[in-house]
Each structure stands twice: as structure tokens, then as C-alpha cells.
Amino acid sequence: MHPVHAVDVLCLLGHESRKEGDKKKYKELMEKAEQISFKEVCRRIYAKRRKERSEAEQKLTEALELFKKLLGKHFMTAECLKAIADLLLLSWERRGRVGQMPCVLCRGH
């Protein structure tokens, strides 16, 4: 059953329980509906962030390829790439995920 439908059913059952005077069952059903709703919202936010991160990584990869194509082996190319790598590393260090860092700069080389 889809989470949204499950929440609807739980809310309807809770409403009926409340009308019958069973406050304990009403509270249990509403708490369960709230948990499912919260998990679904978290899942959607996580999926959105994964997509955004994937798109950002793709754009960075494309930009780096264009950068290398236009500047070639100029010494400043290495300096710029080092600055970008330092920025990425700092970002991953702040999140405590250095060991999981993808090597965007090394792909295909």
C-alpha cells in the first residue's frame, strides 16, 4: 500500500475510534499515521537531494572537461584544479565523509 493511502486509512480508522470514544486506539492510530508521513517526507527529501547532488556532479565534470580542453596544460590549469579539489575536499571533510568522496577530477583518466 502506498504510504499516502496508508495514512488516509489510519486517519479514517482513528476518526472512527474517536467517535466511538476509544481515545487510546485513536492516539495509537494517529501516531502511526504521523510516523509514516514523516518517513515519506524524509524519503522524498533524500531522493531530491541525491538527484541534485548527481546533477551538480555531472555539471562539475562537464565544466572540468571544458576547462581542461580550453586551457590545456598551462601551469595555471593545475593551480585552478588544485583549488577546486581543495574546495571539494573541505566540503566533504565538514560532512565527515572524506573516505566516501568520489574522484570527480580523475574520471576517465
PDB file of N, CA and C in Angstrom:
ATOM      1  N   MET A   1       0.844  -1.173   0.000  1.00  0.00           N
ATOM      2  CA  MET A   1       0.000   0.000   0.000  1.00  0.00           C
ATOM      3  C   MET A   1       0.893   1.241   0.000  1.00  0.00           C
ATOM      4  N   HIS A   2       0.537   2.203  -0.811  1.00  0.00           N
ATOM      5  CA  HIS A   2       1.283   3.462  -0.897  1.00  0.00           C
ATOM      6  C   HIS A   2       1.184   4.191   0.453  1.00  0.00           C
ATOM      7  N   PRO A   3       2.281   4.813   0.899  1.00  0.00           N
ATOM      8  CA  PRO A   3       2.270   5.484   2.209  1.00  0.00           C
ATOM      9  C   PRO A   3       1.141   6.506   2.380  1.00  0.00           C
ATOM     10  N   VAL A   4       0.836   7.243   1.324  1.00  0.00           N
ATOM     11  CA  VAL A   4      -0.231   8.251   1.434  1.00  0.00           C
ATOM     12  C   VAL A   4      -1.572   7.578   1.701  1.00  0.00           C
ATOM     13  N   HIS A   5      -1.832   6.456   1.022  1.00  0.00           N
ATOM     14  CA  HIS A   5      -3.084   5.723   1.236  1.00  0.00           C
ATOM     15  C   HIS A   5      -3.131   5.133   2.640  1.00  0.00           C
ATOM     16  N   ALA A   6      -1.999   4.641   3.111  1.00  0.00           N
ATOM     17  CA  ALA A   6      -1.944   4.077   4.459  1.00  0.00           C
ATOM     18  C   ALA A   6      -2.271   5.146   5.501  1.00  0.00           C
ATOM     19  N   VAL A   7      -1.733   6.344   5.308  1.00  0.00           N
ATOM     20  CA  VAL A   7      -2.008   7.442   6.242  1.00  0.00           C
ATOM     21  C   VAL A   7      -3.494   7.795   6.207  1.00  0.00           C
ATOM     22  N   ASP A   8      -4.072   7.841   5.014  1.00  0.00           N
ATOM     23  CA  ASP A   8      -5.512   8.138   4.892  1.00  0.00           C
ATOM     24  C   ASP A   8      -6.356   7.116   5.647  1.00  0.00           C
ATOM     25  N   VAL A   9      -6.031   5.834   5.451  1.00  0.00           N
ATOM     26  CA  VAL A   9      -6.790   4.772   6.116  1.00  0.00           C
ATOM     27  C   VAL A   9      -6.636   4.865   7.637  1.00  0.00           C
ATOM     28  N   LEU A  10      -5.409   5.075   8.093  1.00  0.00           N
ATOM     29  CA  LEU A  10      -5.174   5.198   9.534  1.00  0.00           C
ATOM     30  C   LEU A  10      -5.923   6.388  10.134  1.00  0.00           C
ATOM     31  N   CYS A  11      -5.960   7.496   9.402  1.00  0.00           N
ATOM     32  CA  CYS A  11      -6.691   8.671   9.897  1.00  0.00           C
ATOM     33  C   CYS A  11      -8.193   8.397   9.959  1.00  0.00           C
ATOM     34  N   LEU A  12      -8.715   7.710   8.943  1.00  0.00           N
ATOM     35  CA  LEU A  12     -10.145   7.363   8.963  1.00  0.00           C
ATOM     36  C   LEU A  12     -10.459   6.426  10.125  1.00  0.00           C
ATOM     37  N   LEU A  13      -9.634   5.415  10.326  1.00  0.00           N
ATOM     38  CA  LEU A  13      -9.837   4.490  11.442  1.00  0.00           C
ATOM     39  C   LEU A  13      -9.733   5.225  12.781  1.00  0.00           C
ATOM     40  N   GLY A  14      -8.764   6.135  12.858  1.00  0.00           N
ATOM     41  CA  GLY A  14      -8.609   6.916  14.079  1.00  0.00           C
ATOM     42  C   GLY A  14      -9.826   7.777  14.355  1.00  0.00           C
ATOM     43  N   HIS A  15     -10.356   8.390  13.306  1.00  0.00           N
ATOM     44  CA  HIS A  15     -11.544   9.225  13.456  1.00  0.00           C
ATOM     45  C   HIS A  15     -12.724   8.395  13.960  1.00  0.00           C
ATOM     46  N   GLU A  16     -12.899   7.197  13.394  1.00  0.00           N
ATOM     47  CA  GLU A  16     -13.981   6.310  13.827  1.00  0.00           C
ATOM     48  C   GLU A  16     -13.777   5.875  15.282  1.00  0.00           C
ATOM     49  N   SER A  17     -12.538   5.583  15.652  1.00  0.00           N
ATOM     50  CA  SER A  17     -12.250   5.190  17.033  1.00  0.00           C
ATOM     51  C   SER A  17     -12.564   6.331  17.997  1.00  0.00           C
ATOM     52  N   ARG A  18     -12.235   7.538  17.597  1.00  0.00           N
ATOM     53  CA  ARG A  18     -12.509   8.694  18.446  1.00  0.00           C
ATOM     54  C   ARG A  18     -14.016   8.902  18.605  1.00  0.00           C
ATOM     55  N   LYS A  19     -14.764   8.707  17.501  1.00  0.00           N
ATOM     56  CA  LYS A  19     -16.224   8.848  17.571  1.00  0.00           C
ATOM     57  C   LYS A  19     -16.837   7.810  18.516  1.00  0.00           C
ATOM     58  N   GLU A  20     -16.208   6.622  18.561  1.00  0.00           N
ATOM     59  CA  GLU A  20     -16.695   5.556  19.436  1.00  0.00           C
ATOM     60  C   GLU A  20     -16.214   5.752  20.874  1.00  0.00           C
ATOM     61  N   GLY A  21     -15.348   6.705  21.097  1.00  0.00           N
ATOM     62  CA  GLY A  21     -14.876   7.001  22.449  1.00  0.00           C
ATOM     63  C   GLY A  21     -13.613   6.263  22.851  1.00  0.00           C
ATOM     64  N   ASP A  22     -12.971   5.579  21.913  1.00  0.00           N
ATOM     65  CA  ASP A  22     -11.741   4.833  22.210  1.00  0.00           C
ATOM     66  C   ASP A  22     -10.536   5.751  21.960  1.00  0.00           C
ATOM     67  N   LYS A  23     -10.220   6.572  22.947  1.00  0.00           N
ATOM     68  CA  LYS A  23      -9.148   7.558  22.801  1.00  0.00           C
ATOM     69  C   LYS A  23      -7.771   6.913  22.672  1.00  0.00           C
ATOM     70  N   LYS A  24      -7.576   5.783  23.357  1.00  0.00           N
ATOM     71  CA  LYS A  24      -6.288   5.103  23.298  1.00  0.00           C
ATOM     72  C   LYS A  24      -6.004   4.614  21.872  1.00  0.00           C
ATOM     73  N   LYS A  25      -6.984   3.951  21.271  1.00  0.00           N
ATOM     74  CA  LYS A  25      -6.817   3.443  19.910  1.00  0.00           C
ATOM     75  C   LYS A  25      -6.651   4.608  18.926  1.00  0.00           C
ATOM     76  N   TYR A  26      -7.420   5.695  19.142  1.00  0.00           N
ATOM     77  CA  TYR A  26      -7.305   6.889  18.298  1.00  0.00           C
ATOM     78  C   TYR A  26      -5.871   7.422  18.336  1.00  0.00           C
ATOM     79  N   LYS A  27      -5.324   7.542  19.540  1.00  0.00           N
ATOM     80  CA  LYS A  27      -3.972   8.066  19.697  1.00  0.00           C
ATOM     81  C   LYS A  27      -2.943   7.166  19.005  1.00  0.00           C
ATOM     82  N   GLU A  28      -3.081   5.850  19.168  1.00  0.00           N
ATOM     83  CA  GLU A  28      -2.156   4.899  18.538  1.00  0.00           C
ATOM     84  C   GLU A  28      -2.200   5.012  17.014  1.00  0.00           C
ATOM     85  N   LEU A  29      -3.410   5.071  16.468  1.00  0.00           N
ATOM     86  CA  LEU A  29      -3.567   5.144  15.011  1.00  0.00           C
ATOM     87  C   LEU A  29      -3.003   6.457  14.466  1.00  0.00           C
ATOM     88  N   MET A  30      -3.239   7.542  15.168  1.00  0.00           N
ATOM     89  CA  MET A  30      -2.747   8.830  14.704  1.00  0.00           C
ATOM     90  C   MET A  30      -1.221   8.915  14.797  1.00  0.00           C
ATOM     91  N   GLU A  31      -0.641   8.314  15.841  1.00  0.00           N
ATOM     92  CA  GLU A  31       0.823   8.292  15.954  1.00  0.00           C
ATOM     93  C   GLU A  31       1.447   7.483  14.828  1.00  0.00           C
ATOM     94  N   LYS A  32       0.815   6.367  14.502  1.00  0.00           N
ATOM     95  CA  LYS A  32       1.325   5.536  13.410  1.00  0.00           C
ATOM     96  C   LYS A  32       1.228   6.289  12.077  1.00  0.00           C
ATOM     97  N   ALA A  33       0.130   6.995  11.863  1.00  0.00           N
ATOM     98  CA  ALA A  33      -0.031   7.789  10.640  1.00  0.00           C
ATOM     99  C   ALA A  33       1.037   8.879  10.562  1.00  0.00           C
ATOM    100  N   GLU A  34       1.332   9.493  11.694  1.00  0.00           N
ATOM    101  CA  GLU A  34       2.346  10.542  11.743  1.00  0.00           C
ATOM    102  C   GLU A  34       3.733   9.990  11.417  1.00  0.00           C
ATOM    103  N   GLN A  35       4.044   8.800  11.937  1.00  0.00           N
ATOM    104  CA  GLN A  35       5.343   8.180  11.660  1.00  0.00           C
ATOM    105  C   GLN A  35       5.497   7.885  10.172  1.00  0.00           C
ATOM    106  N   ILE A  36       4.442   7.334   9.564  1.00  0.00           N
ATOM    107  CA  ILE A  36       4.501   7.013   8.134  1.00  0.00           C
ATOM    108  C   ILE A  36       4.666   8.290   7.323  1.00  0.00           C
ATOM    109  N   SER A  37       3.925   9.336   7.679  1.00  0.00           N
ATOM    110  CA  SER A  37       4.025  10.616   6.966  1.00  0.00           C
ATOM    111  C   SER A  37       5.434  11.177   7.072  1.00  0.00           C
ATOM    112  N   PHE A  38       6.007  11.145   8.258  1.00  0.00           N
ATOM    113  CA  PHE A  38       7.345  11.674   8.472  1.00  0.00           C
ATOM    114  C   PHE A  38       8.378  10.901   7.648  1.00  0.00           C
ATOM    115  N   LYS A  39       8.271   9.580   7.650  1.00  0.00           N
ATOM    116  CA  LYS A  39       9.213   8.758   6.880  1.00  0.00           C
ATOM    117  C   LYS A  39       9.098   9.044   5.387  1.00  0.00           C
ATOM    118  N   GLU A  40       7.882   9.231   4.903  1.00  0.00           N
ATOM    119  CA  GLU A  40       7.673   9.512   3.476  1.00  0.00           C
ATOM    120  C   GLU A  40       8.268  10.866   3.100  1.00  0.00           C
ATOM    121  N   VAL A  41       8.080  11.858   3.953  1.00  0.00           N
ATOM    122  CA  VAL A  41       8.645  13.186   3.691  1.00  0.00           C
ATOM    123  C   VAL A  41      10.175  13.102   3.671  1.00  0.00           C
ATOM    124  N   CYS A  42      10.750  12.386   4.618  1.00  0.00           N
ATOM    125  CA  CYS A  42      12.207  12.219   4.667  1.00  0.00           C
ATOM    126  C   CYS A  42      12.722  11.511   3.415  1.00  0.00           C
ATOM    127  N   ARG A  43      12.012  10.475   2.990  1.00  0.00           N
ATOM    128  CA  ARG A  43      12.411   9.734   1.787  1.00  0.00           C
ATOM    129  C   ARG A  43      12.417  10.647   0.564  1.00  0.00           C
ATOM    130  N   ARG A  44      11.385  11.483   0.446  1.00  0.00           N
ATOM    131  CA  ARG A  44      11.300  12.387  -0.706  1.00  0.00           C
ATOM    132  C   ARG A  44      12.397  13.445  -0.680  1.00  0.00           C
ATOM    133  N   ILE A  45      12.690  13.986   0.487  1.00  0.00           N
ATOM    134  CA  ILE A  45      13.759  14.978   0.607  1.00  0.00           C
ATOM    135  C   ILE A  45      15.103  14.346   0.247  1.00  0.00           C
ATOM    136  N   TYR A  46      15.346  13.139   0.735  1.00  0.00           N
ATOM    137  CA  TYR A  46      16.596  12.433   0.449  1.00  0.00           C
ATOM    138  C   TYR A  46      16.734  12.187  -1.053  1.00  0.00           C
ATOM    139  N   ALA A  47      15.641  11.738  -1.690  1.00  0.00           N
ATOM    140  CA  ALA A  47      15.674  11.471  -3.131  1.00  0.00           C
ATOM    141  C   ALA A  47      15.968  12.747  -3.913  1.00  0.00           C
ATOM    142  N   LYS A  48      15.368  13.853  -3.491  1.00  0.00           N
ATOM    143  CA  LYS A  48      15.595  15.134  -4.170  1.00  0.00           C
ATOM    144  C   LYS A  48      17.050  15.564  -4.034  1.00  0.00           C
ATOM    145  N   ARG A  49      17.600  15.410  -2.831  1.00  0.00           N
ATOM    146  CA  ARG A  49      18.993  15.814  -2.611  1.00  0.00           C
ATOM    147  C   ARG A  49      19.962  14.937  -3.397  1.00  0.00           C
ATOM    148  N   ARG A  50      19.665  13.648  -3.490  1.00  0.00           N
ATOM    149  CA  ARG A  50      20.526  12.760  -4.282  1.00  0.00           C
ATOM    150  C   ARG A  50      20.525  13.188  -5.743  1.00  0.00           C
ATOM    151  N   LYS A  51      19.340  13.535  -6.250  1.00  0.00           N
ATOM    152  CA  LYS A  51      19.231  13.965  -7.644  1.00  0.00           C
ATOM    153  C   LYS A  51      19.997  15.261  -7.860  1.00  0.00           C
ATOM    154  N   GLU A  52      19.837  16.224  -6.946  1.00  0.00           N
ATOM    155  CA  GLU A  52      20.539  17.494  -7.061  1.00  0.00           C
ATOM    156  C   GLU A  52      22.053  17.292  -7.008  1.00  0.00           C
ATOM    157  N   ARG A  53      22.516  16.425  -6.105  1.00  0.00           N
ATOM    158  CA  ARG A  53      23.950  16.165  -5.986  1.00  0.00           C
ATOM    159  C   ARG A  53      24.480  15.509  -7.263  1.00  0.00           C
ATOM    160  N   SER A  54      23.704  14.583  -7.808  1.00  0.00           N
ATOM    161  CA  SER A  54      24.103  13.907  -9.037  1.00  0.00           C
ATOM    162  C   SER A  54      24.197  14.894 -10.200  1.00  0.00           C
ATOM    163  N   GLU A  55      23.217  15.791 -10.299  1.00  0.00           N
ATOM    164  CA  GLU A  55      23.228  16.800 -11.354  1.00  0.00           C
ATOM    165  C   GLU A  55      24.409  17.750 -11.180  1.00  0.00           C
ATOM    166  N   ALA A  56      24.689  18.143  -9.943  1.00  0.00           N
ATOM    167  CA  ALA A  56      25.812  19.049  -9.679  1.00  0.00           C
ATOM    168  C   ALA A  56      27.133  18.380 -10.039  1.00  0.00           C
ATOM    169  N   GLU A  57      27.260  17.107  -9.712  1.00  0.00           N
ATOM    170  CA  GLU A  57      28.484  16.375 -10.043  1.00  0.00           C
ATOM    171  C   GLU A  57      28.663  16.290 -11.557  1.00  0.00           C
ATOM    172  N   GLN A  58      27.581  16.043 -12.278  1.00  0.00           N
ATOM    173  CA  GLN A  58      27.637  15.966 -13.736  1.00  0.00           C
ATOM    174  C   GLN A  58      28.056  17.310 -14.331  1.00  0.00           C
ATOM    175  N   LYS A  59      27.486  18.405 -13.828  1.00  0.00           N
ATOM    176  CA  LYS A  59      27.833  19.737 -14.327  1.00  0.00           C
ATOM    177  C   LYS A  59      29.290  20.064 -14.027  1.00  0.00           C
ATOM    178  N   LEU A  60      29.763  19.675 -12.843  1.00  0.00           N
ATOM    179  CA  LEU A  60      31.169  19.910 -12.498  1.00  0.00           C
ATOM    180  C   LEU A  60      32.083  19.139 -13.440  1.00  0.00           C
ATOM    181  N   THR A  61      31.744  17.892 -13.706  1.00  0.00           N
ATOM    182  CA  THR A  61      32.547  17.072 -14.610  1.00  0.00           C
ATOM    183  C   THR A  61      32.608  17.705 -15.996  1.00  0.00           C
ATOM    184  N   GLU A  62      31.465  18.165 -16.507  1.00  0.00           N
ATOM    185  CA  GLU A  62      31.422  18.815 -17.818  1.00  0.00           C
ATOM    186  C   GLU A  62      32.257  20.098 -17.815  1.00  0.00           C
ATOM    187  N   ALA A  63      32.139  20.875 -16.746  1.00  0.00           N
ATOM    188  CA  ALA A  63      32.900  22.124 -16.648  1.00  0.00           C
ATOM    189  C   ALA A  63      34.399  21.846 -16.604  1.00  0.00           C
ATOM    190  N   LEU A  64      34.794  20.811 -15.878  1.00  0.00           N
ATOM    191  CA  LEU A  64      36.222  20.469 -15.801  1.00  0.00           C
ATOM    192  C   LEU A  64      36.762  20.028 -17.156  1.00  0.00           C
ATOM    193  N   GLU A  65      35.975  19.269 -17.884  1.00  0.00           N
ATOM    194  CA  GLU A  65      36.406  18.825 -19.220  1.00  0.00           C
ATOM    195  C   GLU A  65      36.585  20.021 -20.145  1.00  0.00           C
ATOM    196  N   LEU A  66      35.638  20.936 -20.120  1.00  0.00           N
ATOM    197  CA  LEU A  66      35.733  22.142 -20.942  1.00  0.00           C
ATOM    198  C   LEU A  66      36.937  22.976 -20.508  1.00  0.00           C
ATOM    199  N   PHE A  67      37.125  23.089 -19.205  1.00  0.00           N
ATOM    200  CA  PHE A  67      38.240  23.831 -18.645  1.00  0.00           C
ATOM    201  C   PHE A  67      39.568  23.271 -19.145  1.00  0.00           C
ATOM    202  N   LYS A  68      39.714  21.941 -19.055  1.00  0.00           N
ATOM    203  CA  LYS A  68      40.958  21.303 -19.497  1.00  0.00           C
ATOM    204  C   LYS A  68      41.141  21.435 -21.009  1.00  0.00           C
ATOM    205  N   LYS A  69      40.052  21.357 -21.753  1.00  0.00           N
ATOM    206  CA  LYS A  69      40.122  21.462 -23.215  1.00  0.00           C
ATOM    207  C   LYS A  69      40.587  22.859 -23.628  1.00  0.00           C
ATOM    208  N   LEU A  70      40.077  23.891 -22.971  1.00  0.00           N
ATOM    209  CA  LEU A  70      40.409  25.262 -23.343  1.00  0.00           C
ATOM    210  C   LEU A  70      41.786  25.694 -22.847  1.00  0.00           C
ATOM    211  N   LEU A  71      42.152  25.289 -21.632  1.00  0.00           N
ATOM    212  CA  LEU A  71      43.422  25.741 -21.069  1.00  0.00           C
ATOM    213  C   LEU A  71      44.572  24.764 -21.263  1.00  0.00           C
ATOM    214  N   GLY A  72      44.229  23.532 -21.590  1.00  0.00           N
ATOM    215  CA  GLY A  72      45.272  22.547 -21.852  1.00  0.00           C
ATOM    216  C   GLY A  72      46.188  22.322 -20.673  1.00  0.00           C
ATOM    217  N   LYS A  73      47.525  22.370 -20.935  1.00  0.00           N
ATOM    218  CA  LYS A  73      48.491  22.041 -19.896  1.00  0.00           C
ATOM    219  C   LYS A  73      49.191  23.275 -19.338  1.00  0.00           C
ATOM    220  N   HIS A  74      48.543  24.385 -19.402  1.00  0.00           N
ATOM    221  CA  HIS A  74      49.096  25.621 -18.842  1.00  0.00           C
ATOM    222  C   HIS A  74      49.285  25.420 -17.340  1.00  0.00           C
ATOM    223  N   PHE A  75      50.346  26.004 -16.755  1.00  0.00           N
ATOM    224  CA  PHE A  75      50.618  25.784 -15.329  1.00  0.00           C
ATOM    225  C   PHE A  75      49.471  26.285 -14.448  1.00  0.00           C
ATOM    226  N   MET A  76      48.728  27.288 -14.890  1.00  0.00           N
ATOM    227  CA  MET A  76      47.606  27.796 -14.093  1.00  0.00           C
ATOM    228  C   MET A  76      46.440  26.796 -14.081  1.00  0.00           C
ATOM    229  N   THR A  77      46.386  25.937 -15.076  1.00  0.00           N
ATOM    230  CA  THR A  77      45.344  24.911 -15.089  1.00  0.00           C
ATOM    231  C   THR A  77      45.489  24.026 -13.859  1.00  0.00           C
ATOM    232  N   ALA A  78      46.711  23.625 -13.582  1.00  0.00           N
ATOM    233  CA  ALA A  78      46.966  22.784 -12.409  1.00  0.00           C
ATOM    234  C   ALA A  78      46.616  23.524 -11.125  1.00  0.00           C
ATOM    235  N   GLU A  79      46.940  24.805 -11.061  1.00  0.00           N
ATOM    236  CA  GLU A  79      46.617  25.591  -9.862  1.00  0.00           C
ATOM    237  C   GLU A  79      45.107  25.697  -9.659  1.00  0.00           C
ATOM    238  N   CYS A  80      44.383  25.933 -10.729  1.00  0.00           N
ATOM    239  CA  CYS A  80      42.918  26.044 -10.638  1.00  0.00           C
ATOM    240  C   CYS A  80      42.290  24.706 -10.235  1.00  0.00           C
ATOM    241  N   LEU A  81      42.778  23.623 -10.837  1.00  0.00           N
ATOM    242  CA  LEU A  81      42.254  22.301 -10.494  1.00  0.00           C
ATOM    243  C   LEU A  81      42.549  21.968  -9.035  1.00  0.00           C
ATOM    244  N   LYS A  82      43.713  22.355  -8.551  1.00  0.00           N
ATOM    245  CA  LYS A  82      44.044  22.123  -7.146  1.00  0.00           C
ATOM    246  C   LYS A  82      43.098  22.901  -6.236  1.00  0.00           C
ATOM    247  N   ALA A  83      42.781  24.137  -6.592  1.00  0.00           N
ATOM    248  CA  ALA A  83      41.858  24.952  -5.787  1.00  0.00           C
ATOM    249  C   ALA A  83      40.463  24.316  -5.752  1.00  0.00           C
ATOM    250  N   ILE A  84      40.019  23.814  -6.885  1.00  0.00           N
ATOM    251  CA  ILE A  84      38.705  23.149  -6.935  1.00  0.00           C
ATOM    252  C   ILE A  84      38.723  21.891  -6.069  1.00  0.00           C
ATOM    253  N   ALA A  85      39.784  21.101  -6.182  1.00  0.00           N
ATOM    254  CA  ALA A  85      39.895  19.879  -5.385  1.00  0.00           C
ATOM    255  C   ALA A  85      39.931  20.192  -3.893  1.00  0.00           C
ATOM    256  N   ASP A  86      40.647  21.245  -3.521  1.00  0.00           N
ATOM    257  CA  ASP A  86      40.699  21.652  -2.109  1.00  0.00           C
ATOM    258  C   ASP A  86      39.306  22.036  -1.603  1.00  0.00           C
ATOM    259  N   LEU A  87      38.563  22.754  -2.427  1.00  0.00           N
ATOM    260  CA  LEU A  87      37.212  23.156  -2.058  1.00  0.00           C
ATOM    261  C   LEU A  87      36.309  21.929  -1.868  1.00  0.00           C
ATOM    262  N   LEU A  88      36.391  20.972  -2.798  1.00  0.00           N
ATOM    263  CA  LEU A  88      35.590  19.749  -2.676  1.00  0.00           C
ATOM    264  C   LEU A  88      35.980  18.958  -1.435  1.00  0.00           C
ATOM    265  N   LEU A  89      37.279  18.833  -1.190  1.00  0.00           N
ATOM    266  CA  LEU A  89      37.746  18.093  -0.020  1.00  0.00           C
ATOM    267  C   LEU A  89      37.266  18.746   1.269  1.00  0.00           C
ATOM    268  N   LEU A  90      37.342  20.055   1.345  1.00  0.00           N
ATOM    269  CA  LEU A  90      36.868  20.778   2.523  1.00  0.00           C
ATOM    270  C   LEU A  90      35.380  20.522   2.748  1.00  0.00           C
ATOM    271  N   SER A  91      34.617  20.549   1.673  1.00  0.00           N
ATOM    272  CA  SER A  91      33.178  20.296   1.775  1.00  0.00           C
ATOM    273  C   SER A  91      32.903  18.896   2.319  1.00  0.00           C
ATOM    274  N   TRP A  92      33.645  17.908   1.829  1.00  0.00           N
ATOM    275  CA  TRP A  92      33.440  16.523   2.286  1.00  0.00           C
ATOM    276  C   TRP A  92      33.961  16.333   3.704  1.00  0.00           C
ATOM    277  N   GLU A  93      35.048  17.020   4.065  1.00  0.00           N
ATOM    278  CA  GLU A  93      35.566  16.920   5.436  1.00  0.00           C
ATOM    279  C   GLU A  93      34.559  17.446   6.436  1.00  0.00           C
ATOM    280  N   ARG A  94      33.903  18.544   6.100  1.00  0.00           N
ATOM    281  CA  ARG A  94      32.908  19.131   7.007  1.00  0.00           C
ATOM    282  C   ARG A  94      31.750  18.172   7.265  1.00  0.00           C
ATOM    283  N   ARG A  95      31.463  17.337   6.280  1.00  0.00           N
ATOM    284  CA  ARG A  95      30.385  16.358   6.446  1.00  0.00           C
ATOM    285  C   ARG A  95      30.899  15.023   6.993  1.00  0.00           C
ATOM    286  N   GLY A  96      32.198  14.921   7.221  1.00  0.00           N
ATOM    287  CA  GLY A  96      32.774  13.697   7.771  1.00  0.00           C
ATOM    288  C   GLY A  96      32.715  12.518   6.806  1.00  0.00           C
ATOM    289  N   ARG A  97      32.810  12.801   5.516  1.00  0.00           N
ATOM    290  CA  ARG A  97      32.651  11.739   4.521  1.00  0.00           C
ATOM    291  C   ARG A  97      33.840  11.665   3.564  1.00  0.00           C
ATOM    292  N   VAL A  98      35.023  11.968   4.038  1.00  0.00           N
ATOM    293  CA  VAL A  98      36.192  12.006   3.157  1.00  0.00           C
ATOM    294  C   VAL A  98      36.443  10.653   2.502  1.00  0.00           C
ATOM    295  N   GLY A  99      36.279   9.566   3.237  1.00  0.00           N
ATOM    296  CA  GLY A  99      36.518   8.238   2.674  1.00  0.00           C
ATOM    297  C   GLY A  99      35.535   7.845   1.588  1.00  0.00           C
ATOM    298  N   GLN A 100      34.407   8.537   1.502  1.00  0.00           N
ATOM    299  CA  GLN A 100      33.388   8.229   0.504  1.00  0.00           C
ATOM    300  C   GLN A 100      33.427   9.194  -0.675  1.00  0.00           C
ATOM    301  N   MET A 101      34.411  10.085  -0.700  1.00  0.00           N
ATOM    302  CA  MET A 101      34.458  11.122  -1.724  1.00  0.00           C
ATOM    303  C   MET A 101      34.716  10.532  -3.104  1.00  0.00           C
ATOM    304  N   PRO A 102      33.832  10.826  -4.074  1.00  0.00           N
ATOM    305  CA  PRO A 102      34.068  10.337  -5.428  1.00  0.00           C
ATOM    306  C   PRO A 102      35.189  11.145  -6.076  1.00  0.00           C
ATOM    307  N   CYS A 103      35.960  10.517  -6.890  1.00  0.00           N
ATOM    308  CA  CYS A 103      37.061  11.221  -7.548  1.00  0.00           C
ATOM    309  C   CYS A 103      36.552  11.802  -8.864  1.00  0.00           C
ATOM    310  N   VAL A 104      35.858  12.908  -8.776  1.00  0.00           N
ATOM    311  CA  VAL A 104      35.276  13.565  -9.942  1.00  0.00           C
ATOM    312  C   VAL A 104      36.376  14.035 -10.890  1.00  0.00           C
ATOM    313  N   LEU A 105      37.482  14.474 -10.329  1.00  0.00           N
ATOM    314  CA  LEU A 105      38.563  15.011 -11.138  1.00  0.00           C
ATOM    315  C   LEU A 105      39.321  13.944 -11.908  1.00  0.00           C
ATOM    316  N   CYS A 106      39.244  12.699 -11.456  1.00  0.00           N
ATOM    317  CA  CYS A 106      40.047  11.628 -12.058  1.00  0.00           C
ATOM    318  C   CYS A 106      39.271  10.769 -13.042  1.00  0.00           C
ATOM    319  N   ARG A 107      38.001  10.981 -13.193  1.00  0.00           N
ATOM    320  CA  ARG A 107      37.192  10.103 -14.059  1.00  0.00           C
ATOM    321  C   ARG A 107      37.707  10.087 -15.480  1.00  0.00           C
ATOM    322  N   GLY A 108      37.813   8.898 -15.997  1.00  0.00           N
ATOM    323  CA  GLY A 108      38.212   8.732 -17.381  1.00  0.00           C
ATOM    324  C   GLY A 108      39.683   8.993 -17.656  1.00  0.00           C
ATOM    325  N   HIS A 109      40.501   9.119 -16.625  1.00  0.00           N
ATOM    326  CA  HIS A 109      41.936   9.400 -16.821  1.00  0.00           C
ATOM    327  C   HIS A 109      42.760   8.393 -16.072  1.00  0.00           C
TER     328      HIS A 109
END
